[in-house]
Amino acid sequence: MSEKGFFSRLKKGLGKTRDGLFGGVKRLFFDSTQHADLYEALEETLISADVGVETTLALIENLRSQAKEQGIQDPEKLYNLLKEEVLALLGDDEPDISWRREGEPHIMLIAGVNGSGKTTTAGKIAYHLGAEKRKVLLGAADTFRAAAAEQLTIWAERSGADIIRHQEGADPGAVAWDTVDAGVARKADNIIIDTAGRLHTKVNLMEELKKVQRVIAKRHPGAPHEVLLVLDATTGQNGLQQATQFTRALEVTGIVLTKLDGTAKGGMALAIRKELGIPIKMIGVGESAEDMQAFNARDFVEALFG
C-alpha cells in the first residue's frame, strides 16, 4: 500500500481520537476568549484521554517553558507549539522494521494479553513479509488457547508462510525450539513465534515467557532479534500497566499498538513512548493486513491534529 493510501486510513482510523481528545484540545486554544486557565484545562483534557499523568505534566511543562522562552501568547501559535512538543515526545525517526539478518533467519517473538490482537499481528507481519517474497515460518507457541493455533494457521495460508504447531496444551518452549530448529534447517528468512497471553498478572505466564525467550536464545544465540509487545489501544492506562508487567519479563524492543480506530483515547501512544521509553514500531487502524503499517510519528501527529 502507498504511504498516501495508509495516511488516509490512518486519518480515518484516528477519527475518534481526533474528534474526542484533540477536538477538545483545539477548542481550548481557539474557542475560548479566556486563556488564564488554559494549561489547567489542557492538563485535565490530556489526562482524561489516557495520555497519563506523568506524560501530561511533562508536555505542559515543556509547552509553558517554550512559550515563555519564545514569547508566544497567540492561541494558534501555542497550538502549533503543542503539536511540535507531541512530535518531539514520540520521536521523528521512523522505526527499522526491515527485519533482515545476513546469512541467518531473523527471529521475532510476539507477546501480549489475549484479545490485544497478538496472534493477528503475527499473521499480519507474516503477510507483509510474504509480500516481499520472504520465506516466513510461524510458530504457534500459544498452546493454551486452541483458537490461537487455528487463527495462526489461517494467516499462514493467507501469507504463504509455513507453520509449526503442536497439540493443545503442549510445552510452549518445545514449540519455540522446534520452530527455530525448522526455520534454520529450511533457511527461512523470518521466524515469527506467537506466545500465550493469559492475564498479565499471572506469575506463571511471565515465567513461561522468560523460558520461551531463553529456549530461543539457547537454540540460536543472539535471538530473538525482535520482541514485540502488542497492546490494545482501547484499554488505555490498563494497557500501560500490562506493558510494565511484560517488560519485567521480556526484553521488549518494540510496541505494536492495535485497534486505534476503536477508541477516542489514542493518547495512550504518547504515554507509552514517554513512560516506557520503548519505540512504537507498528500501528493498526482496522481489520485488514493493509490496516497495519510501520509507525510514522509525523504522520500520526498530522492525523491527530488535522
Protein backbone atom coordinates (compact mmCIF):
# COMPACT_ATOMS: atom_id res chain seq x y z
CA MET A 1 0.00 0.00 0.00
CA SER A 2 1.22 3.51 -0.78
CA GLU A 3 2.13 5.86 2.06
CA LYS A 4 -0.63 8.19 0.87
CA GLY A 5 -3.16 5.34 0.99
CA PHE A 6 -2.23 4.40 4.53
CA PHE A 7 -2.24 8.02 5.67
CA SER A 8 -5.87 8.23 4.52
CA ARG A 9 -6.67 5.09 6.51
CA LEU A 10 -4.73 6.43 9.48
CA LYS A 11 -6.57 9.74 9.42
CA LYS A 12 -9.91 7.94 9.20
CA GLY A 13 -8.92 5.40 11.87
CA LEU A 14 -7.86 8.09 14.30
CA GLY A 15 -11.13 9.97 13.81
CA LYS A 16 -12.49 9.12 17.27
CA THR A 17 -9.31 10.25 18.99
CA ARG A 18 -9.02 13.37 16.85
CA ASP A 19 -12.65 14.40 17.45
CA GLY A 20 -12.57 13.41 21.13
CA LEU A 21 -9.12 14.18 22.51
CA PHE A 22 -7.68 16.69 20.08
CA GLY A 23 -11.04 18.21 19.23
CA GLY A 24 -11.28 19.11 22.91
CA VAL A 25 -7.69 20.36 22.93
CA LYS A 26 -8.28 22.50 19.87
CA ARG A 27 -11.36 24.10 21.43
CA LEU A 28 -9.27 25.09 24.44
CA PHE A 29 -6.97 27.08 22.20
CA PHE A 30 -9.40 28.54 19.70
CA ASP A 31 -12.92 28.67 21.11
CA SER A 32 -12.27 30.38 24.41
CA THR A 33 -11.58 34.05 24.99
CA GLN A 34 -10.25 33.33 28.47
CA HIS A 35 -6.85 31.65 28.44
CA ALA A 36 -5.82 32.24 32.04
CA ASP A 37 -6.66 28.64 32.92
CA LEU A 38 -5.57 27.17 29.58
CA TYR A 39 -2.82 24.97 30.98
CA GLU A 40 -5.01 23.63 33.78
CA ALA A 41 -7.80 22.81 31.32
CA LEU A 42 -5.29 21.24 28.94
CA GLU A 43 -3.98 19.06 31.76
CA GLU A 44 -7.47 17.75 32.54
CA THR A 45 -8.21 17.08 28.87
CA LEU A 46 -4.99 15.15 28.22
CA ILE A 47 -5.27 13.04 31.36
CA SER A 48 -8.88 12.14 30.55
CA ALA A 49 -7.69 10.90 27.14
CA ASP A 50 -5.23 8.42 28.71
CA VAL A 51 -2.15 10.45 27.90
CA GLY A 52 -1.16 9.70 31.50
CA VAL A 53 -0.31 11.99 34.38
CA GLU A 54 3.48 11.83 34.01
CA THR A 55 3.37 12.40 30.26
CA THR A 56 0.76 15.17 30.54
CA LEU A 57 2.76 17.09 33.14
CA ALA A 58 5.93 16.78 31.05
CA LEU A 59 4.14 18.03 27.93
CA ILE A 60 2.62 21.01 29.72
CA GLU A 61 5.87 21.92 31.44
CA ASN A 62 7.69 21.89 28.10
CA LEU A 63 4.90 23.89 26.48
CA ARG A 64 4.98 26.53 29.21
CA SER A 65 8.76 26.74 29.02
CA GLN A 66 8.91 27.05 25.24
CA ALA A 67 6.04 29.55 25.13
CA LYS A 68 7.76 31.76 27.71
CA GLU A 69 11.16 31.47 26.07
CA GLN A 70 9.75 32.37 22.65
CA GLY A 71 7.28 34.93 23.95
CA ILE A 72 4.32 33.09 22.41
CA GLN A 73 0.80 34.02 23.55
CA ASP A 74 -1.18 33.68 20.33
CA PRO A 75 -3.52 30.64 20.61
CA GLU A 76 -2.76 29.35 17.11
CA LYS A 77 0.99 29.52 17.68
CA LEU A 78 0.57 27.83 21.08
CA TYR A 79 -1.44 25.06 19.43
CA ASN A 80 1.26 24.52 16.82
CA LEU A 81 3.86 24.54 19.55
CA LEU A 82 1.94 21.78 21.37
CA LYS A 83 1.91 19.82 18.13
CA GLU A 84 5.70 20.07 17.89
CA GLU A 85 6.07 19.03 21.54
CA VAL A 86 3.95 15.92 20.90
CA LEU A 87 6.07 15.08 17.86
CA ALA A 88 9.28 15.57 19.84
CA LEU A 89 7.94 13.25 22.54
CA LEU A 90 7.11 10.50 20.02
CA GLY A 91 10.40 10.90 18.19
CA ASP A 92 10.58 11.72 14.49
CA ASP A 93 12.73 8.76 13.44
CA GLU A 94 10.98 6.00 11.54
CA PRO A 95 11.47 2.61 13.20
CA ASP A 96 13.59 0.00 11.48
CA ILE A 97 11.22 -2.80 10.52
CA SER A 98 13.31 -4.31 7.74
CA TRP A 99 13.70 -7.41 9.91
CA ARG A 100 16.56 -8.93 7.94
CA ARG A 101 19.65 -10.87 9.05
CA GLU A 102 22.60 -11.63 6.84
CA GLY A 103 23.10 -15.37 6.46
CA GLU A 104 20.62 -16.35 9.17
CA PRO A 105 16.90 -16.06 9.88
CA HIS A 106 15.53 -13.04 11.68
CA ILE A 107 13.71 -14.35 14.75
CA MET A 108 10.81 -12.44 16.26
CA LEU A 109 8.82 -13.09 19.42
CA ILE A 110 5.28 -11.71 19.75
CA ALA A 111 3.79 -11.14 23.22
CA GLY A 112 0.69 -9.55 24.72
CA VAL A 113 -2.51 -10.41 26.55
CA ASN A 114 -5.29 -12.37 24.88
CA GLY A 115 -7.60 -10.05 22.98
CA SER A 116 -4.94 -7.46 22.22
CA GLY A 117 -4.61 -8.61 18.62
CA LYS A 118 -1.40 -10.51 19.31
CA THR A 119 -1.95 -13.54 17.06
CA THR A 120 -3.47 -11.39 14.33
CA THR A 121 -0.41 -9.14 14.49
CA ALA A 122 1.89 -12.13 13.99
CA GLY A 123 -0.19 -13.10 10.98
CA LYS A 124 -0.25 -9.61 9.50
CA ILE A 125 3.51 -9.24 9.82
CA ALA A 126 3.92 -12.60 8.08
CA TYR A 127 1.60 -11.33 5.35
CA HIS A 128 3.68 -8.17 4.81
CA LEU A 129 6.94 -10.14 4.76
CA GLY A 130 5.44 -12.69 2.39
CA ALA A 131 4.51 -9.85 0.03
CA GLU A 132 8.24 -9.08 -0.10
CA LYS A 133 8.88 -12.66 -1.26
CA ARG A 134 10.40 -13.63 2.09
CA LYS A 135 10.38 -17.23 3.28
CA VAL A 136 8.45 -17.00 6.56
CA LEU A 137 7.93 -19.60 9.28
CA LEU A 138 5.31 -19.09 12.00
CA GLY A 139 5.46 -20.80 15.38
CA ALA A 140 2.20 -21.37 17.30
CA ALA A 141 3.59 -21.30 20.84
CA ASP A 142 0.27 -20.14 22.31
CA THR A 143 -0.75 -23.71 23.11
CA PHE A 144 -3.26 -22.84 25.83
CA ARG A 145 -5.81 -21.29 23.51
CA ALA A 146 -6.94 -23.70 20.81
CA ALA A 147 -8.22 -20.88 18.62
CA ALA A 148 -4.76 -19.25 18.53
CA ALA A 149 -3.16 -22.07 16.53
CA GLU A 150 -6.16 -22.23 14.20
CA GLN A 151 -6.08 -18.48 13.70
CA LEU A 152 -2.35 -18.51 13.01
CA THR A 153 -2.77 -21.37 10.54
CA ILE A 154 -5.28 -19.30 8.57
CA TRP A 155 -2.81 -16.43 8.43
CA ALA A 156 -0.05 -18.84 7.35
CA GLU A 157 -2.18 -19.98 4.43
CA ARG A 158 -3.10 -16.40 3.57
CA SER A 159 0.51 -15.19 3.61
CA GLY A 160 2.14 -18.25 2.07
CA ALA A 161 4.08 -18.97 5.25
CA ASP A 162 4.87 -22.34 6.82
CA ILE A 163 3.79 -23.06 10.38
CA ILE A 164 4.98 -25.22 13.27
CA ARG A 165 2.29 -26.22 15.77
CA HIS A 166 1.91 -28.87 18.43
CA GLN A 167 -1.18 -30.26 20.10
CA GLU A 168 -3.18 -28.12 22.52
CA GLY A 169 -1.53 -27.87 25.94
CA ALA A 170 1.95 -28.70 24.65
CA ASP A 171 5.04 -27.07 26.14
CA PRO A 172 5.41 -23.60 24.53
CA GLY A 173 9.19 -23.84 24.91
CA ALA A 174 9.20 -27.02 22.83
CA VAL A 175 7.20 -25.31 20.10
CA ALA A 176 9.62 -22.38 20.12
CA TRP A 177 12.63 -24.73 19.91
CA ASP A 178 11.13 -26.74 17.06
CA THR A 179 10.16 -23.59 15.18
CA VAL A 180 13.66 -22.11 15.33
CA ASP A 181 15.18 -25.51 14.55
CA ALA A 182 12.96 -25.92 11.49
CA GLY A 183 13.49 -22.32 10.40
CA VAL A 184 17.27 -22.70 10.42
CA ALA A 185 17.08 -26.03 8.57
CA ARG A 186 14.71 -24.64 5.94
CA LYS A 187 16.76 -21.45 5.54
CA ALA A 188 13.81 -19.25 6.41
CA ASP A 189 14.26 -15.50 6.11
CA ASN A 190 11.94 -14.75 9.02
CA ILE A 191 10.72 -16.75 12.01
CA ILE A 192 7.77 -15.34 13.97
CA ILE A 193 6.75 -17.00 17.23
CA ASP A 194 3.38 -16.27 18.81
CA THR A 195 3.11 -16.77 22.59
CA ALA A 196 0.38 -17.27 25.15
CA GLY A 197 -1.35 -14.20 26.51
CA ARG A 198 -3.29 -15.08 29.60
CA LEU A 199 -3.75 -12.38 32.23
CA HIS A 200 -0.57 -10.37 32.66
CA THR A 201 -0.93 -10.55 36.44
CA LYS A 202 -0.32 -14.31 36.39
CA VAL A 203 3.21 -15.04 37.55
CA ASN A 204 3.31 -18.39 35.75
CA LEU A 205 2.70 -16.72 32.38
CA MET A 206 5.63 -14.35 32.86
CA GLU A 207 7.90 -17.21 33.90
CA GLU A 208 6.74 -19.14 30.87
CA LEU A 209 7.58 -16.21 28.57
CA LYS A 210 11.03 -15.93 30.13
CA LYS A 211 11.51 -19.63 29.45
CA VAL A 212 10.47 -19.29 25.81
CA GLN A 213 12.91 -16.42 25.38
CA ARG A 214 15.71 -18.50 26.96
CA VAL A 215 14.90 -21.52 24.78
CA ILE A 216 15.13 -19.41 21.62
CA ALA A 217 18.46 -17.95 22.74
CA LYS A 218 19.80 -21.42 23.53
CA ARG A 219 18.85 -22.79 20.12
CA HIS A 220 20.05 -19.69 18.27
CA PRO A 221 22.46 -17.45 20.24
CA GLY A 222 21.61 -13.77 19.97
CA ALA A 223 17.93 -14.44 19.29
CA PRO A 224 15.20 -13.35 19.48
CA HIS A 225 16.27 -10.35 17.43
CA GLU A 226 12.99 -8.55 17.99
CA VAL A 227 10.47 -8.84 20.83
CA LEU A 228 7.24 -7.06 20.01
CA LEU A 229 4.64 -6.34 22.66
CA VAL A 230 1.12 -5.96 21.27
CA LEU A 231 -1.13 -3.52 23.14
CA ASP A 232 -4.81 -2.80 22.57
CA ALA A 233 -5.27 0.99 22.40
CA THR A 234 -8.83 0.72 23.73
CA THR A 235 -7.51 -0.45 27.12
CA GLY A 236 -5.91 2.91 27.87
CA GLN A 237 -3.95 3.03 31.13
CA ASN A 238 -4.60 -0.68 31.73
CA GLY A 239 -2.56 -1.31 28.60
CA LEU A 240 0.27 0.71 30.06
CA GLN A 241 0.15 -1.40 33.23
CA GLN A 242 0.22 -4.54 31.10
CA ALA A 243 3.26 -3.23 29.26
CA THR A 244 5.07 -2.61 32.54
CA GLN A 245 4.46 -6.23 33.59
CA PHE A 246 5.63 -7.65 30.29
CA THR A 247 8.78 -5.54 30.16
CA ARG A 248 9.81 -7.01 33.51
CA ALA A 249 9.71 -10.48 31.99
CA LEU A 250 10.87 -9.84 28.44
CA GLU A 251 13.46 -7.69 26.73
CA VAL A 252 10.83 -5.84 24.71
CA THR A 253 12.29 -4.00 21.72
CA GLY A 254 9.14 -2.50 20.23
CA ILE A 255 5.43 -1.87 20.68
CA VAL A 256 2.62 -2.68 18.27
CA LEU A 257 -0.42 -0.55 19.07
CA THR A 258 -3.65 -2.07 17.75
CA LYS A 259 -7.31 -1.03 17.49
CA LEU A 260 -6.56 2.68 17.32
CA ASP A 261 -9.68 3.02 15.20
CA GLY A 262 -11.84 1.77 18.06
CA THR A 263 -11.02 4.32 20.73
CA ALA A 264 -11.28 8.03 21.44
CA LYS A 265 -8.32 7.72 23.79
CA GLY A 266 -5.39 7.23 21.42
CA GLY A 267 -3.33 9.44 23.72
CA MET A 268 -2.07 6.15 25.14
CA ALA A 269 0.56 6.22 22.36
CA LEU A 270 2.14 9.26 23.99
CA ALA A 271 2.17 7.67 27.44
CA ILE A 272 3.80 4.50 26.11
CA ARG A 273 6.63 6.40 24.46
CA LYS A 274 7.29 8.69 27.44
CA GLU A 275 6.83 6.30 30.35
CA LEU A 276 8.27 3.10 28.87
CA GLY A 277 10.88 4.54 26.54
CA ILE A 278 10.14 1.75 24.04
CA PRO A 279 9.59 2.72 20.40
CA ILE A 280 6.23 2.16 18.77
CA LYS A 281 7.08 0.16 15.65
CA MET A 282 3.70 -0.62 14.12
CA ILE A 283 0.11 0.54 14.49
CA GLY A 284 -3.20 -0.94 13.47
CA VAL A 285 -6.24 1.06 12.44
CA GLY A 286 -8.50 -1.68 11.08
CA GLU A 287 -9.06 -5.36 10.43
CA SER A 288 -7.20 -5.97 7.17
CA ALA A 289 -3.48 -6.64 6.81
CA GLU A 290 -3.14 -3.31 4.99
CA ASP A 291 -4.51 -1.53 8.07
CA MET A 292 -1.32 -2.36 9.96
CA GLN A 293 1.77 -0.42 8.95
CA ALA A 294 5.01 0.99 10.29
CA PHE A 295 4.56 3.77 12.84
CA ASN A 296 5.45 7.18 11.47
CA ALA A 297 5.33 9.79 14.23
CA ARG A 298 4.91 12.76 11.91
CA ASP A 299 2.01 11.16 10.04
CA PHE A 300 0.48 10.12 13.36
CA VAL A 301 0.64 13.67 14.72
CA GLU A 302 -0.68 15.17 11.46
CA ALA A 303 -3.60 12.71 11.51
CA LEU A 304 -4.34 13.57 15.16
CA PHE A 305 -4.15 17.34 14.88
CA GLY A 306 -5.75 17.55 11.45
